[in-house]
PDB file of all heavy atoms in Angstrom:
ATOM      1  N   VAL A   1      67.375  77.314   0.723  1.00  0.00           N
ATOM      2  CA  VAL A   1      66.275  78.252   0.952  1.00  0.00           C
ATOM      3  C   VAL A   1      66.546  79.503   0.123  1.00  0.00           C
ATOM      4  O   VAL A   1      67.686  79.958   0.027  1.00  0.00           O
ATOM      5  CB  VAL A   1      66.144  78.630   2.444  1.00  0.00           C
ATOM      6  CG1 VAL A   1      65.045  79.675   2.646  1.00  0.00           C
ATOM      7  CG2 VAL A   1      65.872  77.387   3.289  1.00  0.00           C
ATOM      8  N   LEU A   2      65.495  80.046  -0.490  1.00  0.00           N
ATOM      9  CA  LEU A   2      65.568  81.285  -1.253  1.00  0.00           C
ATOM     10  C   LEU A   2      64.739  82.333  -0.513  1.00  0.00           C
ATOM     11  O   LEU A   2      63.558  82.095  -0.217  1.00  0.00           O
ATOM     12  CB  LEU A   2      65.007  81.074  -2.659  1.00  0.00           C
ATOM     13  CG  LEU A   2      64.994  82.289  -3.585  1.00  0.00           C
ATOM     14  CD1 LEU A   2      66.397  82.572  -4.104  1.00  0.00           C
ATOM     15  CD2 LEU A   2      64.044  82.053  -4.758  1.00  0.00           C
ATOM     16  N   VAL A   3      65.332  83.477  -0.207  1.00  0.00           N
ATOM     17  CA  VAL A   3      64.636  84.457   0.624  1.00  0.00           C
ATOM     18  C   VAL A   3      65.035  85.866   0.199  1.00  0.00           C
ATOM     19  O   VAL A   3      66.141  86.087  -0.316  1.00  0.00           O
ATOM     20  CB  VAL A   3      64.958  84.220   2.124  1.00  0.00           C
ATOM     21  CG1 VAL A   3      66.424  84.509   2.425  1.00  0.00           C
ATOM     22  CG2 VAL A   3      64.056  85.040   3.017  1.00  0.00           C
ATOM     23  N   GLN A   4      64.126  86.798   0.388  1.00  0.00           N
ATOM     24  CA  GLN A   4      64.452  88.204   0.211  1.00  0.00           C
ATOM     25  C   GLN A   4      64.943  88.774   1.541  1.00  0.00           C
ATOM     26  O   GLN A   4      64.572  88.292   2.613  1.00  0.00           O
ATOM     27  CB  GLN A   4      63.222  88.960  -0.293  1.00  0.00           C
ATOM     28  CG  GLN A   4      62.770  88.494  -1.681  1.00  0.00           C
ATOM     29  CD  GLN A   4      61.422  89.059  -2.085  1.00  0.00           C
ATOM     30  OE1 GLN A   4      61.150  90.229  -1.847  1.00  0.00           O
ATOM     31  NE2 GLN A   4      60.586  88.231  -2.694  1.00  0.00           N
ATOM     32  N   GLN A   5      65.761  89.791   1.465  1.00  0.00           N
ATOM     33  CA  GLN A   5      66.444  90.310   2.640  1.00  0.00           C
ATOM     34  C   GLN A   5      65.475  90.648   3.778  1.00  0.00           C
ATOM     35  O   GLN A   5      65.735  90.341   4.945  1.00  0.00           O
ATOM     36  CB  GLN A   5      67.251  91.549   2.268  1.00  0.00           C
ATOM     37  CG  GLN A   5      68.049  92.153   3.411  1.00  0.00           C
ATOM     38  CD  GLN A   5      69.178  91.234   3.880  1.00  0.00           C
ATOM     39  OE1 GLN A   5      69.946  90.755   3.058  1.00  0.00           O
ATOM     40  NE2 GLN A   5      69.268  90.998   5.181  1.00  0.00           N
ATOM     41  N   LYS A   6      64.352  91.265   3.459  1.00  0.00           N
ATOM     42  CA  LYS A   6      63.448  91.720   4.518  1.00  0.00           C
ATOM     43  C   LYS A   6      62.790  90.586   5.281  1.00  0.00           C
ATOM     44  O   LYS A   6      62.216  90.808   6.351  1.00  0.00           O
ATOM     45  CB  LYS A   6      62.392  92.659   3.956  1.00  0.00           C
ATOM     46  CG  LYS A   6      61.442  92.050   2.935  1.00  0.00           C
ATOM     47  CD  LYS A   6      60.450  93.107   2.448  1.00  0.00           C
ATOM     48  CE  LYS A   6      59.531  92.567   1.371  1.00  0.00           C
ATOM     49  NZ  LYS A   6      58.560  93.615   0.932  1.00  0.00           N
ATOM     50  N   TRP A   7      62.850  89.346   4.717  1.00  0.00           N
ATOM     51  CA  TRP A   7      62.268  88.204   5.412  1.00  0.00           C
ATOM     52  C   TRP A   7      63.332  87.236   5.935  1.00  0.00           C
ATOM     53  O   TRP A   7      63.000  86.154   6.414  1.00  0.00           O
ATOM     54  CB  TRP A   7      61.309  87.457   4.496  1.00  0.00           C
ATOM     55  CG  TRP A   7      60.002  88.170   4.311  1.00  0.00           C
ATOM     56  CD1 TRP A   7      59.086  88.478   5.276  1.00  0.00           C
ATOM     57  CD2 TRP A   7      59.459  88.649   3.082  1.00  0.00           C
ATOM     58  NE1 TRP A   7      58.013  89.124   4.731  1.00  0.00           N
ATOM     59  CE2 TRP A   7      58.208  89.250   3.377  1.00  0.00           C
ATOM     60  CE3 TRP A   7      59.900  88.643   1.761  1.00  0.00           C
ATOM     61  CZ2 TRP A   7      57.401  89.823   2.409  1.00  0.00           C
ATOM     62  CZ3 TRP A   7      59.104  89.224   0.794  1.00  0.00           C
ATOM     63  CH2 TRP A   7      57.864  89.807   1.113  1.00  0.00           C
ATOM     64  N   LEU A   8      64.574  87.628   5.865  1.00  0.00           N
ATOM     65  CA  LEU A   8      65.643  86.738   6.312  1.00  0.00           C
ATOM     66  C   LEU A   8      65.488  86.367   7.786  1.00  0.00           C
ATOM     67  O   LEU A   8      65.736  85.225   8.172  1.00  0.00           O
ATOM     68  CB  LEU A   8      67.001  87.391   6.066  1.00  0.00           C
ATOM     69  CG  LEU A   8      68.241  86.591   6.482  1.00  0.00           C
ATOM     70  CD1 LEU A   8      68.290  85.251   5.739  1.00  0.00           C
ATOM     71  CD2 LEU A   8      69.518  87.397   6.201  1.00  0.00           C
ATOM     72  N   ALA A   9      65.063  87.309   8.604  1.00  0.00           N
ATOM     73  CA  ALA A   9      64.913  87.043  10.037  1.00  0.00           C
ATOM     74  C   ALA A   9      63.886  85.948  10.313  1.00  0.00           C
ATOM     75  O   ALA A   9      63.993  85.221  11.316  1.00  0.00           O
ATOM     76  CB  ALA A   9      64.518  88.327  10.762  1.00  0.00           C
ATOM     77  N   ASP A  10      62.876  85.792   9.422  1.00  0.00           N
ATOM     78  CA  ASP A  10      61.862  84.750   9.614  1.00  0.00           C
ATOM     79  C   ASP A  10      62.442  83.354   9.421  1.00  0.00           C
ATOM     80  O   ASP A  10      61.899  82.369   9.934  1.00  0.00           O
ATOM     81  CB  ASP A  10      60.700  84.947   8.630  1.00  0.00           C
ATOM     82  CG  ASP A  10      59.919  86.216   8.906  1.00  0.00           C
ATOM     83  OD1 ASP A  10      60.019  86.746  10.033  1.00  0.00           O
ATOM     84  OD2 ASP A  10      59.208  86.681   7.996  1.00  0.00           O
ATOM     85  N   ILE A  11      63.542  83.272   8.656  1.00  0.00           N
ATOM     86  CA  ILE A  11      64.154  81.980   8.355  1.00  0.00           C
ATOM     87  C   ILE A  11      65.221  81.622   9.380  1.00  0.00           C
ATOM     88  O   ILE A  11      65.452  80.446   9.677  1.00  0.00           O
ATOM     89  CB  ILE A  11      64.753  82.000   6.931  1.00  0.00           C
ATOM     90  CG1 ILE A  11      63.625  82.155   5.906  1.00  0.00           C
ATOM     91  CG2 ILE A  11      65.572  80.746   6.634  1.00  0.00           C
ATOM     92  CD1 ILE A  11      62.600  81.039   5.954  1.00  0.00           C
ATOM     93  N   GLU A  12      65.869  82.613   9.923  1.00  0.00           N
ATOM     94  CA  GLU A  12      66.912  82.362  10.917  1.00  0.00           C
ATOM     95  C   GLU A  12      66.326  81.593  12.091  1.00  0.00           C
ATOM     96  O   GLU A  12      65.290  81.937  12.631  1.00  0.00           O
ATOM     97  CB  GLU A  12      67.515  83.687  11.389  1.00  0.00           C
ATOM     98  CG  GLU A  12      68.329  84.388  10.326  1.00  0.00           C
ATOM     99  CD  GLU A  12      68.844  85.753  10.768  1.00  0.00           C
ATOM    100  OE1 GLU A  12      68.255  86.329  11.696  1.00  0.00           O
ATOM    101  OE2 GLU A  12      69.818  86.231  10.166  1.00  0.00           O
ATOM    102  N   GLY A  13      66.991  80.550  12.463  1.00  0.00           N
ATOM    103  CA  GLY A  13      66.505  79.705  13.546  1.00  0.00           C
ATOM    104  C   GLY A  13      65.683  78.527  13.078  1.00  0.00           C
ATOM    105  O   GLY A  13      65.446  77.591  13.836  1.00  0.00           O
ATOM    106  N   LEU A  14      65.227  78.565  11.806  1.00  0.00           N
ATOM    107  CA  LEU A  14      64.458  77.434  11.285  1.00  0.00           C
ATOM    108  C   LEU A  14      65.349  76.344  10.718  1.00  0.00           C
ATOM    109  O   LEU A  14      65.179  75.162  11.014  1.00  0.00           O
ATOM    110  CB  LEU A  14      63.489  77.911  10.188  1.00  0.00           C
ATOM    111  CG  LEU A  14      62.228  78.659  10.607  1.00  0.00           C
ATOM    112  CD1 LEU A  14      61.388  78.972   9.379  1.00  0.00           C
ATOM    113  CD2 LEU A  14      61.422  77.845  11.606  1.00  0.00           C
ATOM    114  N   VAL A  15      66.298  76.744   9.871  1.00  0.00           N
ATOM    115  CA  VAL A  15      67.105  75.753   9.164  1.00  0.00           C
ATOM    116  C   VAL A  15      68.405  75.491   9.912  1.00  0.00           C
ATOM    117  O   VAL A  15      68.821  76.269  10.768  1.00  0.00           O
ATOM    118  CB  VAL A  15      67.396  76.200   7.713  1.00  0.00           C
ATOM    119  CG1 VAL A  15      66.101  76.316   6.931  1.00  0.00           C
ATOM    120  CG2 VAL A  15      68.136  77.512   7.687  1.00  0.00           C
ATOM    121  N   ASP A  16      69.045  74.390   9.560  1.00  0.00           N
ATOM    122  CA  ASP A  16      70.243  73.981  10.277  1.00  0.00           C
ATOM    123  C   ASP A  16      71.467  74.782   9.819  1.00  0.00           C
ATOM    124  O   ASP A  16      71.378  75.664   8.962  1.00  0.00           O
ATOM    125  CB  ASP A  16      70.485  72.477  10.103  1.00  0.00           C
ATOM    126  CG  ASP A  16      70.600  72.069   8.638  1.00  0.00           C
ATOM    127  OD1 ASP A  16      71.100  72.879   7.827  1.00  0.00           O
ATOM    128  OD2 ASP A  16      70.189  70.944   8.301  1.00  0.00           O
ATOM    129  N   ALA A  17      72.593  74.449  10.381  1.00  0.00           N
ATOM    130  CA  ALA A  17      73.808  75.239  10.160  1.00  0.00           C
ATOM    131  C   ALA A  17      74.458  74.996   8.809  1.00  0.00           C
ATOM    132  O   ALA A  17      75.392  75.714   8.447  1.00  0.00           O
ATOM    133  CB  ALA A  17      74.823  74.939  11.270  1.00  0.00           C
ATOM    134  N   VAL A  18      73.999  73.987   8.064  1.00  0.00           N
ATOM    135  CA  VAL A  18      74.663  73.667   6.796  1.00  0.00           C
ATOM    136  C   VAL A  18      73.799  73.972   5.577  1.00  0.00           C
ATOM    137  O   VAL A  18      74.302  73.949   4.450  1.00  0.00           O
ATOM    138  CB  VAL A  18      75.097  72.184   6.767  1.00  0.00           C
ATOM    139  CG1 VAL A  18      76.113  71.907   7.856  1.00  0.00           C
ATOM    140  CG2 VAL A  18      73.901  71.259   6.894  1.00  0.00           C
ATOM    141  N   THR A  19      72.519  74.232   5.757  1.00  0.00           N
ATOM    142  CA  THR A  19      71.642  74.509   4.617  1.00  0.00           C
ATOM    143  C   THR A  19      71.913  75.904   4.075  1.00  0.00           C
ATOM    144  O   THR A  19      71.792  76.892   4.810  1.00  0.00           O
ATOM    145  CB  THR A  19      70.164  74.406   5.025  1.00  0.00           C
ATOM    146  OG1 THR A  19      69.894  73.093   5.513  1.00  0.00           O
ATOM    147  CG2 THR A  19      69.257  74.703   3.843  1.00  0.00           C
ATOM    148  N   PRO A  20      72.274  76.036   2.794  1.00  0.00           N
ATOM    149  CA  PRO A  20      72.530  77.376   2.244  1.00  0.00           C
ATOM    150  C   PRO A  20      71.241  78.178   2.116  1.00  0.00           C
ATOM    151  O   PRO A  20      70.201  77.650   1.712  1.00  0.00           O
ATOM    152  CB  PRO A  20      73.147  77.087   0.877  1.00  0.00           C
ATOM    153  CG  PRO A  20      72.674  75.724   0.518  1.00  0.00           C
ATOM    154  CD  PRO A  20      72.521  74.971   1.800  1.00  0.00           C
ATOM    155  N   VAL A  21      71.316  79.450   2.479  1.00  0.00           N
ATOM    156  CA  VAL A  21      70.199  80.378   2.346  1.00  0.00           C
ATOM    157  C   VAL A  21      70.604  81.431   1.321  1.00  0.00           C
ATOM    158  O   VAL A  21      71.552  82.190   1.537  1.00  0.00           O
ATOM    159  CB  VAL A  21      69.853  81.039   3.692  1.00  0.00           C
ATOM    160  CG1 VAL A  21      68.742  82.071   3.501  1.00  0.00           C
ATOM    161  CG2 VAL A  21      69.440  79.990   4.716  1.00  0.00           C
ATOM    162  N   TYR A  22      69.906  81.457   0.189  1.00  0.00           N
ATOM    163  CA  TYR A  22      70.230  82.381  -0.886  1.00  0.00           C
ATOM    164  C   TYR A  22      69.360  83.626  -0.748  1.00  0.00           C
ATOM    165  O   TYR A  22      68.120  83.544  -0.779  1.00  0.00           O
ATOM    166  CB  TYR A  22      69.992  81.723  -2.243  1.00  0.00           C
ATOM    167  CG  TYR A  22      70.771  80.437  -2.444  1.00  0.00           C
ATOM    168  CD1 TYR A  22      70.156  79.300  -2.982  1.00  0.00           C
ATOM    169  CD2 TYR A  22      72.115  80.351  -2.084  1.00  0.00           C
ATOM    170  CE1 TYR A  22      70.870  78.127  -3.170  1.00  0.00           C
ATOM    171  CE2 TYR A  22      72.830  79.184  -2.268  1.00  0.00           C
ATOM    172  CZ  TYR A  22      72.204  78.065  -2.798  1.00  0.00           C
ATOM    173  OH  TYR A  22      72.908  76.904  -2.972  1.00  0.00           O
ATOM    174  N   VAL A  23      69.992  84.770  -0.597  1.00  0.00           N
ATOM    175  CA  VAL A  23      69.283  86.039  -0.463  1.00  0.00           C
ATOM    176  C   VAL A  23      69.292  86.739  -1.818  1.00  0.00           C
ATOM    177  O   VAL A  23      70.349  86.951  -2.419  1.00  0.00           O
ATOM    178  CB  VAL A  23      69.952  86.926   0.607  1.00  0.00           C
ATOM    179  CG1 VAL A  23      69.203  88.257   0.736  1.00  0.00           C
ATOM    180  CG2 VAL A  23      69.979  86.201   1.950  1.00  0.00           C
ATOM    181  N   VAL A  24      68.075  87.101  -2.293  1.00  0.00           N
ATOM    182  CA  VAL A  24      67.957  87.734  -3.606  1.00  0.00           C
ATOM    183  C   VAL A  24      67.038  88.950  -3.515  1.00  0.00           C
ATOM    184  O   VAL A  24      66.304  89.112  -2.537  1.00  0.00           O
ATOM    185  CB  VAL A  24      67.385  86.746  -4.661  1.00  0.00           C
ATOM    186  CG1 VAL A  24      68.312  85.559  -4.847  1.00  0.00           C
ATOM    187  CG2 VAL A  24      65.986  86.294  -4.273  1.00  0.00           C
ATOM    188  N   THR A  25      67.071  89.779  -4.524  1.00  0.00           N
ATOM    189  CA  THR A  25      66.173  90.922  -4.597  1.00  0.00           C
ATOM    190  C   THR A  25      64.782  90.450  -5.017  1.00  0.00           C
ATOM    191  O   THR A  25      64.631  89.363  -5.593  1.00  0.00           O
ATOM    192  CB  THR A  25      66.671  91.945  -5.617  1.00  0.00           C
ATOM    193  OG1 THR A  25      66.647  91.336  -6.922  1.00  0.00           O
ATOM    194  CG2 THR A  25      68.085  92.408  -5.281  1.00  0.00           C
ATOM    195  N   PRO A  26      63.732  91.254  -4.771  1.00  0.00           N
ATOM    196  CA  PRO A  26      62.393  90.883  -5.243  1.00  0.00           C
ATOM    197  C   PRO A  26      62.345  90.676  -6.751  1.00  0.00           C
ATOM    198  O   PRO A  26      61.614  89.802  -7.234  1.00  0.00           O
ATOM    199  CB  PRO A  26      61.522  92.079  -4.814  1.00  0.00           C
ATOM    200  CG  PRO A  26      62.240  92.669  -3.647  1.00  0.00           C
ATOM    201  CD  PRO A  26      63.706  92.476  -3.948  1.00  0.00           C
ATOM    202  N   GLU A  27      63.123  91.457  -7.490  1.00  0.00           N
ATOM    203  CA  GLU A  27      63.133  91.331  -8.952  1.00  0.00           C
ATOM    204  C   GLU A  27      63.693  89.987  -9.389  1.00  0.00           C
ATOM    205  O   GLU A  27      63.167  89.336 -10.305  1.00  0.00           O
ATOM    206  CB  GLU A  27      63.952  92.474  -9.575  1.00  0.00           C
ATOM    207  CG  GLU A  27      63.352  93.857  -9.407  1.00  0.00           C
ATOM    208  CD  GLU A  27      63.501  94.414  -7.989  1.00  0.00           C
ATOM    209  OE1 GLU A  27      64.380  93.930  -7.232  1.00  0.00           O
ATOM    210  OE2 GLU A  27      62.728  95.326  -7.645  1.00  0.00           O
ATOM    211  N   ILE A  28      64.758  89.543  -8.749  1.00  0.00           N
ATOM    212  CA  ILE A  28      65.333  88.241  -9.096  1.00  0.00           C
ATOM    213  C   ILE A  28      64.373  87.122  -8.703  1.00  0.00           C
ATOM    214  O   ILE A  28      64.174  86.163  -9.459  1.00  0.00           O
ATOM    215  CB  ILE A  28      66.706  88.050  -8.416  1.00  0.00           C
ATOM    216  CG1 ILE A  28      67.751  88.950  -9.083  1.00  0.00           C
ATOM    217  CG2 ILE A  28      67.150  86.594  -8.487  1.00  0.00           C
ATOM    218  CD1 ILE A  28      69.130  88.847  -8.482  1.00  0.00           C
ATOM    219  N   ALA A  29      63.747  87.231  -7.529  1.00  0.00           N
ATOM    220  CA  ALA A  29      62.795  86.206  -7.098  1.00  0.00           C
ATOM    221  C   ALA A  29      61.666  86.068  -8.105  1.00  0.00           C
ATOM    222  O   ALA A  29      61.270  84.956  -8.480  1.00  0.00           O
ATOM    223  CB  ALA A  29      62.240  86.548  -5.717  1.00  0.00           C
TER     224      ALA A  29
END
């Protein structure tokens, strides 16, 4: 999963414990 920091909370609880979540800046996205 690719996510920006301000939306990280929306992803927490959705994906399982092994799926990597990559946090990036809006510019990188």
